Protein backbone atom coordinates (compact mmCIF):
# COMPACT_ATOMS: atom_id res chain seq x y z
CA MET A 1 92.42 83.37 88.02
CA ALA A 2 91.84 81.55 91.30
CA PHE A 3 90.10 83.52 94.02
CA PHE A 4 92.22 85.05 96.75
CA ARG A 5 90.55 84.88 100.16
CA PRO A 6 91.63 86.68 103.34
CA THR A 7 92.58 84.28 106.11
CA GLU A 8 90.67 85.92 108.97
CA PRO A 9 87.11 87.30 109.19
CA TRP A 10 86.57 91.08 109.20
CA THR A 11 90.07 91.77 107.86
CA MET A 12 88.89 94.21 105.19
CA CYS A 13 85.88 95.79 106.89
CA SER A 14 84.67 96.23 110.47
CA SER A 15 81.67 94.24 111.66
CA TYR A 16 80.19 97.56 112.81
CA GLU A 17 80.24 98.96 109.27
CA ALA A 18 78.85 95.71 107.84
CA SER A 19 75.92 95.91 110.24
CA GLU A 20 75.37 99.58 109.42
CA ARG A 21 75.35 98.89 105.70
CA ILE A 22 72.67 96.21 106.15
CA THR A 23 70.50 98.91 107.72
CA PHE A 24 71.09 101.35 104.86
CA LYS A 25 70.90 98.63 102.14
CA GLU A 26 74.41 99.40 100.89
CA LEU A 27 75.80 95.88 100.57
CA SER A 28 77.12 95.02 97.13
CA PRO A 29 76.47 91.54 95.67
CA PHE A 30 80.25 91.11 95.69
CA GLU A 31 80.26 91.24 99.51
CA CYS A 32 77.39 88.93 100.42
CA THR A 33 77.09 85.28 101.31
CA GLN A 34 76.64 82.85 98.46
CA SER A 35 73.00 82.27 99.37
CA THR A 36 71.97 85.96 99.55
CA TYR A 37 73.93 87.90 96.92
CA LYS A 38 70.98 87.66 94.47
CA GLU A 39 68.48 88.89 97.04
CA HIS A 40 67.07 92.38 97.43
CA PRO A 41 69.57 94.68 99.24
CA ARG A 42 67.43 94.57 102.40
CA ASP A 43 67.77 90.79 102.54
CA ARG A 44 71.49 90.46 101.85
CA ILE A 45 73.87 89.14 104.51
CA PRO A 46 77.52 90.28 104.56
CA ASP A 47 80.24 87.65 104.29
CA PRO A 48 83.07 88.45 106.77
CA MET A 49 85.58 87.13 104.21
CA LYS A 50 84.28 89.34 101.39
CA CYS A 51 82.99 92.58 102.88
CA ILE A 52 85.34 95.52 102.17
CA LYS A 53 85.42 98.95 103.73
CA LYS A 54 83.40 101.44 101.70
CA TYR A 55 84.59 104.93 100.80
CA ARG A 56 82.63 107.54 102.72
CA ARG A 57 82.97 111.25 103.07
CA SER A 58 81.75 113.20 106.07
CA ALA A 59 78.93 115.71 105.65
CA ALA A 60 81.50 118.51 105.53
CA GLY A 61 83.65 116.73 102.99
CA GLY A 62 86.38 116.13 105.52
CA GLY A 63 87.39 112.66 104.47
CA VAL A 64 86.51 109.09 105.37
CA GLN A 65 84.48 108.59 108.53
CA PRO A 66 86.10 106.50 111.29
CA GLN A 67 84.84 102.99 111.95
CA TYR A 68 84.45 101.24 115.28
CA LYS A 69 84.53 97.78 116.76
CA GLU A 70 81.65 96.29 118.74
CA ASP A 71 83.35 97.42 121.96
CA GLY A 72 83.37 101.03 120.74
CA LYS A 73 87.09 101.22 120.00
CA GLU A 74 88.18 102.60 116.65
CA TRP A 75 88.82 99.94 114.00
CA LYS A 76 91.71 100.46 111.60
CA ARG A 77 93.27 98.36 108.87
CA SER A 78 96.98 97.64 109.14
CA LEU A 79 99.36 97.82 106.17
CA ASP A 80 99.04 94.05 105.79
CA ASP A 81 95.24 94.35 105.88
CA LEU A 82 95.39 96.93 103.10
CA GLU A 83 97.55 94.63 100.98
CA ILE A 84 95.04 91.80 101.52
CA SER A 85 92.20 94.13 100.51
CA VAL A 86 93.99 95.12 97.29
CA ASP A 87 94.71 91.46 96.48
CA TYR A 88 91.07 90.53 96.90
CA LEU A 89 89.72 93.51 94.96
CA LEU A 90 91.99 92.82 92.00
CA THR A 91 90.85 89.19 92.08
CA ILE A 92 87.23 90.34 91.87
CA TYR A 93 88.20 92.67 89.02
CA ALA A 94 89.92 89.91 87.05
CA ASN A 95 86.99 87.50 87.49
CA GLN A 96 84.15 90.06 87.44
CA GLN A 97 82.63 88.13 90.32
CA SER A 98 83.40 87.29 93.92
CA ASP A 99 83.90 83.79 95.28
CA GLY A 100 80.66 81.79 95.11
CA MET A 101 78.89 83.93 92.51
CA GLN A 102 77.48 81.91 89.63
CA GLU A 103 77.61 84.62 86.97
CA LYS A 104 79.87 87.49 85.99
CA ILE A 105 78.90 91.12 86.56
CA SER A 106 79.46 93.65 83.77
CA LEU A 107 82.94 95.17 83.67
CA VAL A 108 81.74 98.71 84.29
CA LYS A 109 79.73 97.67 87.38
CA THR A 110 82.69 95.65 88.65
CA VAL A 111 85.01 98.62 88.15
CA ASN A 112 82.62 100.99 89.91
CA PHE A 113 82.65 98.69 92.95
CA VAL A 114 86.44 98.16 92.92
CA ASP A 115 87.14 101.87 92.39
CA ASP A 116 85.06 102.84 95.41
CA ARG A 117 86.85 100.39 97.69
CA LEU A 118 90.27 101.38 96.33
CA ARG A 119 89.56 105.03 97.15
CA ALA A 120 89.01 104.01 100.77
CA ILE A 121 92.30 102.08 100.68
CA GLN A 122 94.20 105.11 99.40
CA VAL A 123 92.79 107.26 102.20
CA ASP A 124 93.66 104.62 104.80
CA LEU A 125 97.17 104.33 103.37
CA THR A 126 97.68 108.10 103.60
CA THR A 127 96.41 108.16 107.19
CA LEU A 128 98.42 105.11 108.21
CA LEU A 129 101.68 106.35 106.71
CA GLY A 130 101.21 109.76 108.27
CA ASN A 131 100.96 108.15 111.72
CA MET A 132 103.87 105.76 111.30
CA GLY A 133 106.65 108.34 111.24
CA ASP A 134 109.91 107.00 109.80
CA LEU A 135 109.15 103.86 107.83
CA ASP A 136 111.48 100.93 107.54
CA ALA A 137 112.59 99.71 104.12
CA GLU A 138 110.27 96.71 104.18
CA SER A 139 107.18 98.86 104.80
CA LEU A 140 108.19 101.33 102.10
CA ASN A 141 108.65 98.54 99.60
CA LEU A 142 105.22 97.12 100.48
CA VAL A 143 103.62 100.54 99.92
CA ARG A 144 105.36 100.81 96.54
CA ARG A 145 104.21 97.34 95.51
CA ILE A 146 100.62 98.27 96.39
CA GLN A 147 100.78 101.54 94.45
CA VAL A 148 102.37 100.07 91.33
CA ARG A 149 99.59 97.47 91.21
CA LEU A 150 97.01 100.25 91.45
CA VAL A 151 98.75 102.12 88.64
CA ARG A 152 98.52 99.04 86.40
CA TYR A 153 94.90 98.48 87.36
CA ASN A 154 93.92 102.05 86.47
CA LEU A 155 95.79 102.01 83.17
CA LEU A 156 94.16 98.77 82.04
CA THR A 157 90.71 99.79 83.26
CA GLN A 158 90.75 103.15 81.50
CA HIS A 159 91.82 101.47 78.27
CA LEU A 160 89.13 98.77 78.48
CA LEU A 161 86.42 101.38 79.18
CA SER A 162 87.76 103.98 76.75
CA SER A 163 84.66 103.73 74.54
CA LEU A 164 82.33 104.82 77.36
CA GLY A 165 81.25 108.40 77.90
CA ALA A 166 81.01 110.33 81.15
CA ASP A 167 77.38 109.21 81.54
CA LYS A 168 78.52 105.58 81.91
CA PHE A 169 81.87 105.93 83.67
CA GLU A 170 83.22 108.57 86.05
CA TRP A 171 86.27 109.67 84.07
CA LYS A 172 87.08 112.50 86.46
CA PHE A 173 87.35 110.07 89.39
CA ALA A 174 89.33 107.61 87.25
CA THR A 175 91.86 110.26 86.28
CA THR A 176 92.21 111.32 89.91
CA ALA A 177 92.74 107.69 90.98
CA LEU A 178 95.53 107.16 88.43
CA THR A 179 97.19 110.46 89.35
CA THR A 180 96.98 109.58 93.05
CA ALA A 181 98.52 106.13 92.57
CA ILE A 182 101.45 107.53 90.56
CA SER A 183 102.11 110.47 92.88
CA SER A 184 101.78 108.25 95.98
CA PHE A 185 104.31 105.83 94.54
CA PHE A 186 106.80 108.62 93.86
CA ALA A 187 106.15 110.16 97.30
CA THR A 188 107.87 107.17 98.95
CA TYR A 189 111.16 108.36 97.43
CA HIS A 190 111.10 111.77 99.11
CA GLY A 191 112.73 112.16 102.49
CA HIS A 192 113.08 108.42 103.08
CA ASN A 193 115.88 105.93 103.06
CA THR A 194 115.83 104.35 99.58
CA ASP A 195 118.90 102.10 99.86
CA THR A 196 116.73 99.04 99.37
CA GLY A 197 114.27 100.67 96.93
CA GLU A 198 112.99 98.50 94.13
CA THR A 199 114.59 99.83 90.95
CA SER A 200 112.41 97.72 88.63
CA ASN A 201 109.18 99.21 89.99
CA LEU A 202 110.60 102.74 89.85
CA ASP A 203 111.67 102.15 86.24
CA GLU A 204 108.20 100.87 85.33
CA VAL A 205 106.24 103.74 86.91
CA MET A 206 108.62 106.35 85.46
CA CYS A 207 107.97 104.83 82.05
CA TYR A 208 104.19 105.03 82.49
CA ALA A 209 104.36 108.62 83.75
CA ALA A 210 106.52 109.62 80.77
CA LEU A 211 104.20 107.95 78.23
CA LEU A 212 101.12 109.52 79.80
CA HIS A 213 102.79 112.92 79.57
CA ILE A 214 103.69 112.31 75.92
CA ALA A 215 100.07 111.40 75.16
CA MET A 216 98.80 114.54 76.90
CA THR A 217 101.26 116.77 75.01
CA LEU A 218 100.27 115.26 71.67
CA LYS A 219 96.59 115.91 72.42
CA ASN A 220 97.22 119.50 73.54
CA ASN A 221 99.23 120.21 70.38
CA GLU A 222 96.55 118.83 68.05
CA VAL A 223 94.48 121.88 67.14
CA ALA A 224 92.15 119.90 64.85
CA LEU A 225 90.53 118.12 67.80
CA PRO A 226 88.41 119.66 70.58
CA GLN A 227 89.94 119.78 74.02
CA THR A 228 88.67 117.29 76.59
CA SER A 229 86.00 118.54 79.00
CA SER A 230 86.60 118.44 82.74
CA THR A 231 84.31 115.41 83.09
CA GLY A 232 85.19 113.58 79.88
CA GLN A 233 87.90 111.08 79.10
CA GLY A 234 91.36 112.57 79.06
CA CYS A 235 94.36 111.70 76.94
CA GLY A 236 97.33 111.12 79.21
CA LEU A 237 98.40 112.99 82.33
CA ALA A 238 100.78 115.85 82.95
CA THR A 239 103.88 115.31 85.06
CA ASP A 240 105.29 118.02 87.30
CA GLY A 241 107.60 120.39 85.50
CA GLY A 242 105.59 121.90 82.65
CA ASP A 243 103.55 120.97 79.61
CA GLY A 244 106.36 120.26 77.14
CA MET A 245 108.18 117.01 76.44
CA SER A 246 111.18 118.13 78.47
CA ALA A 247 109.11 117.66 81.64
CA ILE A 248 109.61 113.89 81.45
CA LEU A 249 113.32 114.43 82.06
CA GLY A 250 112.34 115.77 85.47
CA LEU A 251 111.39 112.24 86.46
CA TYR A 252 115.08 111.33 86.27
CA ARG A 253 116.21 114.38 88.22
CA LYS A 254 113.66 113.82 90.98
CA HIS A 255 113.63 110.07 91.39
CA VAL A 256 117.02 108.84 90.21
CA GLN A 257 119.56 111.62 90.55
CA LYS A 258 118.41 112.51 94.08
CA THR A 259 118.40 108.94 95.36
CA THR A 260 120.96 106.20 95.66
CA HIS A 261 119.72 104.62 92.43
CA SER A 262 122.08 104.55 89.47
CA PHE A 263 121.21 105.29 85.84
CA ASN A 264 124.20 103.33 84.59
CA ASN A 265 124.41 99.89 83.00
CA GLY A 266 120.88 100.00 81.58
CA SER A 267 119.24 99.92 85.01
CA PHE A 268 116.20 101.86 83.72
CA PRO A 269 115.48 100.27 80.32
CA LYS A 270 111.72 100.95 80.36
CA TYR A 271 112.17 104.64 81.13
CA GLU A 272 114.92 104.91 78.52
CA TRP A 273 112.55 103.41 75.94
CA ALA A 274 109.89 105.98 76.88
CA LEU A 275 112.50 108.74 76.48
CA LYS A 276 113.18 107.52 72.93
CA VAL A 277 109.45 107.71 72.14
CA GLY A 278 109.30 111.22 73.62
CA GLY A 279 112.46 112.33 71.81
CA ALA A 280 111.16 111.11 68.45
CA THR A 281 107.82 112.83 69.02
CA GLU A 282 109.42 116.09 70.13
CA THR A 283 111.65 116.27 67.03
CA GLY A 284 108.76 115.46 64.70
CA ASP A 285 110.06 112.01 63.81
CA LEU A 286 106.61 110.50 64.20
CA PHE A 287 107.37 107.41 62.13
CA THR A 288 110.18 106.41 64.50
CA ALA A 289 107.85 106.98 67.46
CA LEU A 290 105.26 104.74 65.81
CA LYS A 291 107.84 102.04 65.14
CA LEU A 292 108.91 102.10 68.80
CA LEU A 293 105.31 101.66 69.88
CA ALA A 294 104.47 98.90 67.37
CA PRO A 295 104.30 95.38 68.86
CA LYS A 296 107.12 93.08 67.85
CA PRO A 297 106.52 89.45 66.83
CA GLY A 298 105.99 87.38 69.95
CA ASP A 299 105.68 90.44 72.20
CA LEU A 300 102.56 89.31 74.00
CA GLU A 301 102.88 85.55 73.76
CA GLU A 302 103.53 85.27 77.49
CA ILE A 303 101.91 87.50 80.10
CA ASP A 304 104.94 87.61 82.35
CA ASP A 305 106.33 90.77 83.96
CA GLU A 306 107.72 91.95 80.62
CA GLY A 307 104.50 91.20 78.75
CA ARG A 308 102.42 92.97 81.41
CA TRP A 309 104.60 96.07 81.14
CA LYS A 310 104.22 96.13 77.35
CA ILE A 311 100.44 95.92 77.65
CA CYS A 312 100.26 98.70 80.25
CA SER A 313 102.66 100.87 78.23
CA ARG A 314 100.44 100.66 75.20
CA CYS A 315 97.43 101.46 77.37
CA CYS A 316 99.22 104.71 78.34
CA ILE A 317 99.70 105.82 74.76
CA ALA A 318 96.76 104.14 72.98
CA GLN A 319 94.57 107.27 72.93
CA ALA A 320 97.42 109.24 71.34
CA VAL A 321 98.29 106.78 68.54
CA PRO A 322 95.55 108.21 66.25
CA LEU A 323 97.11 111.65 66.79
CA ILE A 324 100.49 110.33 65.60
CA ARG A 325 98.79 108.79 62.57
CA ILE A 326 97.07 112.10 61.76
CA GLY A 327 100.42 113.88 61.82
CA LEU A 328 102.02 111.26 59.58
CA MET A 329 99.20 111.29 57.05
CA ARG A 330 99.45 115.07 56.81
CA ARG A 331 103.11 114.69 55.93
CA TYR A 332 102.42 111.92 53.43
CA ASN A 333 99.78 114.06 51.74
CA LYS A 334 102.31 116.87 51.37
CA SER A 335 104.86 114.43 49.96
CA PHE A 336 102.34 113.00 47.50
CA GLY A 337 101.40 116.53 46.43
CA LYS A 338 105.04 117.33 45.70
CA GLY A 339 105.53 114.07 43.86
CA GLU A 340 107.95 112.79 46.51
CA GLN A 341 108.37 109.09 47.08
CA VAL A 342 107.12 107.47 50.29
CA LYS A 343 107.93 103.87 51.16
CA ASP A 344 104.99 101.48 51.04
CA ASP A 345 106.09 99.97 54.35
CA ASN A 346 105.84 103.36 56.04
CA VAL A 347 102.27 103.94 54.89
CA SER A 348 101.17 100.40 55.71
CA LEU A 349 102.64 100.58 59.23
CA THR A 350 100.92 103.91 59.82
CA GLN A 351 97.57 102.42 58.84
CA ALA A 352 98.06 99.14 60.67
CA ILE A 353 98.78 100.42 64.17
């Protein structure tokens, strides 16, 4: 992936903060000039085109501290600045290095940096939107596009780091980040004009939310496995409306039925597919659920919009697939014990996925 670079200096961070972080030795190698990123933190020099606002909480835990320009006036990022910051952070994430770096940084260290800066972006977005009053359709669509990208980022990251424990990766923060991105996306559909809302993005995020809820329900219903600790890796996320599978229908009532969107003519194919997975799981038809989740020939040959959605969808449900296999093998064992026939294809598919 080619590097995305902001077009103006100090677009993503104030010069005041950059200077302050030199003093406190808080500059990341991702944010420094090409000649100093390998140096000791006290000797690093911030690059105006790379330095990104850091997430900070006040001493009382009251949120991100304000930043100021050299003239003492408060410095704030605009909606366009926030989009630029997200673009650049995701470029760093994809490359595991910033522009000019000669080597890649480990994925977990890259994610820790990106996650911190994305938390600051989410806070700035919340503050900015709260001060803007009634938003026009173009601004709302931009906010949705930012949030759906953050949802994808969090899904992929949690899947790639799923083998790490809480001592290596902050799972509690990661879960909060994914929950925030999904809820912030849906929040743009409440009390706003949605005539020009982007149905494809709504369909995609509803699908992810439904699959995450399915995964969580499967884990909660599996008594043979210990429940996840508050700091450990989770298995899915709960949607509003309860713990059962029926809660995923609430996504339709909240975000389709109450808006000007239509559910007719296959306008929400991704969400409908997730409903089929949830329906099969709820009725105990685990083999059908597994077949729906199994990749089809040629599924991932092209990483276009469709291919990206299929990857992210499987990231949502990946941690729950072993739970589906456990349930199926229990049933097969009962069938074998009774002398009942089970198709070879069924067993092989269960083992393969």
